[in-house]
Amino acid sequence: MKFYNIIIRYRLQIGILLIVIGIIANVFGSFWPAFPAYLIGVILIAGHFFFGPLRVIQEYMEAGDMEGAEKVLNSIKFPNLLYKPIRSVYF
């Protein structure tokens, strides 16, 4: 579960890195070897904006750490981009 939380926290950076790797693979190879990097990168970036880090709040809430949960909520820059059911949890 720790690995999944790391992916959730850093998925924007990982997504951008995968798109850069895809561009490099596209330049030195062709499109099809770069396609998985593009696809996974776009999915991670979209997940960052549509789902946010709200999955991480569960651990803080179970431990009773309201300050940690508030810190995660404050890390969301664009709450209006969140998917509607997840946005209702945010507000």
Protein backbone atom coordinates (compact mmCIF):
# COMPACT_ATOMS: atom_id res chain seq x y z
CA MET A 1 0.00 0.00 0.00
CA LYS A 2 2.95 2.30 0.62
CA PHE A 3 3.99 2.01 -3.05
CA TYR A 4 0.48 2.97 -4.18
CA ASN A 5 0.52 6.06 -1.97
CA ILE A 6 3.86 7.11 -3.48
CA ILE A 7 2.36 6.74 -6.96
CA ILE A 8 -0.65 8.86 -5.90
CA ARG A 9 1.50 11.60 -4.39
CA TYR A 10 3.92 11.90 -7.31
CA ARG A 11 1.79 10.87 -10.28
CA LEU A 12 1.96 14.29 -11.97
CA GLN A 13 5.76 14.23 -11.93
CA ILE A 14 5.87 10.57 -12.98
CA GLY A 15 3.40 11.28 -15.80
CA ILE A 16 5.48 14.19 -17.10
CA LEU A 17 8.63 12.05 -16.88
CA LEU A 18 6.96 9.25 -18.86
CA ILE A 19 5.85 11.67 -21.57
CA VAL A 20 9.43 12.98 -21.83
CA ILE A 21 10.67 9.39 -22.06
CA GLY A 22 8.06 8.78 -24.77
CA ILE A 23 9.27 11.81 -26.72
CA ILE A 24 12.87 10.61 -26.49
CA ALA A 25 11.85 7.09 -27.57
CA ASN A 26 9.85 8.58 -30.44
CA VAL A 27 12.80 10.65 -31.65
CA PHE A 28 15.33 7.81 -31.47
CA GLY A 29 12.97 4.99 -32.42
CA SER A 30 9.45 5.22 -33.70
CA PHE A 31 5.97 5.88 -32.37
CA TRP A 32 5.01 2.37 -31.28
CA PRO A 33 7.85 1.80 -28.80
CA ALA A 34 7.00 5.22 -27.31
CA PHE A 35 3.25 4.60 -27.18
CA PRO A 36 3.14 2.83 -23.76
CA ALA A 37 5.06 5.70 -22.15
CA TYR A 38 2.69 8.24 -23.73
CA LEU A 39 -0.39 6.29 -22.67
CA ILE A 40 0.67 5.72 -19.07
CA GLY A 41 1.88 9.32 -18.78
CA VAL A 42 -1.43 10.74 -20.00
CA ILE A 43 -3.39 8.44 -17.68
CA LEU A 44 -1.30 9.51 -14.68
CA ILE A 45 -1.65 13.22 -15.49
CA ALA A 46 -5.40 12.91 -16.04
CA GLY A 47 -5.72 10.97 -12.79
CA HIS A 48 -3.85 13.70 -10.96
CA PHE A 49 -6.34 16.35 -12.03
CA PHE A 50 -9.55 14.28 -12.04
CA PHE A 51 -9.08 12.22 -8.87
CA GLY A 52 -6.55 14.19 -6.86
CA PRO A 53 -4.76 12.84 -3.79
CA LEU A 54 -7.96 12.17 -1.86
CA ARG A 55 -7.15 8.46 -1.56
CA VAL A 56 -4.27 9.38 0.76
CA ILE A 57 -6.66 11.06 3.22
CA GLN A 58 -8.01 7.67 4.31
CA GLU A 59 -4.82 6.80 6.22
CA TYR A 60 -4.81 10.12 8.04
CA MET A 61 -8.49 9.84 8.95
CA GLU A 62 -8.09 6.27 10.26
CA ALA A 63 -5.18 7.41 12.43
CA GLY A 64 -7.14 10.46 13.63
CA ASP A 65 -4.57 12.87 12.18
CA MET A 66 -6.73 15.80 11.09
CA GLU A 67 -3.73 18.04 10.43
CA GLY A 68 -2.34 15.54 7.93
CA ALA A 69 -5.72 15.25 6.22
CA GLU A 70 -5.99 19.04 6.05
CA LYS A 71 -2.50 19.19 4.54
CA VAL A 72 -3.58 16.79 1.78
CA LEU A 73 -6.73 18.84 1.12
CA ASN A 74 -4.68 22.04 0.90
CA SER A 75 -2.39 20.42 -1.68
CA ILE A 76 -5.25 20.36 -4.23
CA LYS A 77 -4.75 23.41 -6.45
CA PHE A 78 -7.78 23.12 -8.77
CA PRO A 79 -10.70 21.48 -6.91
CA ASN A 80 -13.17 22.33 -9.69
CA LEU A 81 -11.33 19.93 -12.03
CA LEU A 82 -12.02 16.98 -9.73
CA TYR A 83 -14.53 14.35 -10.84
CA LYS A 84 -17.95 15.28 -9.42
CA PRO A 85 -18.32 12.52 -6.75
CA ILE A 86 -14.76 13.15 -5.59
CA ARG A 87 -15.34 16.90 -5.61
CA SER A 88 -18.26 16.38 -3.20
CA VAL A 89 -15.87 14.62 -0.81
CA TYR A 90 -13.46 17.55 -1.14
CA PHE A 91 -16.07 20.14 -0.19
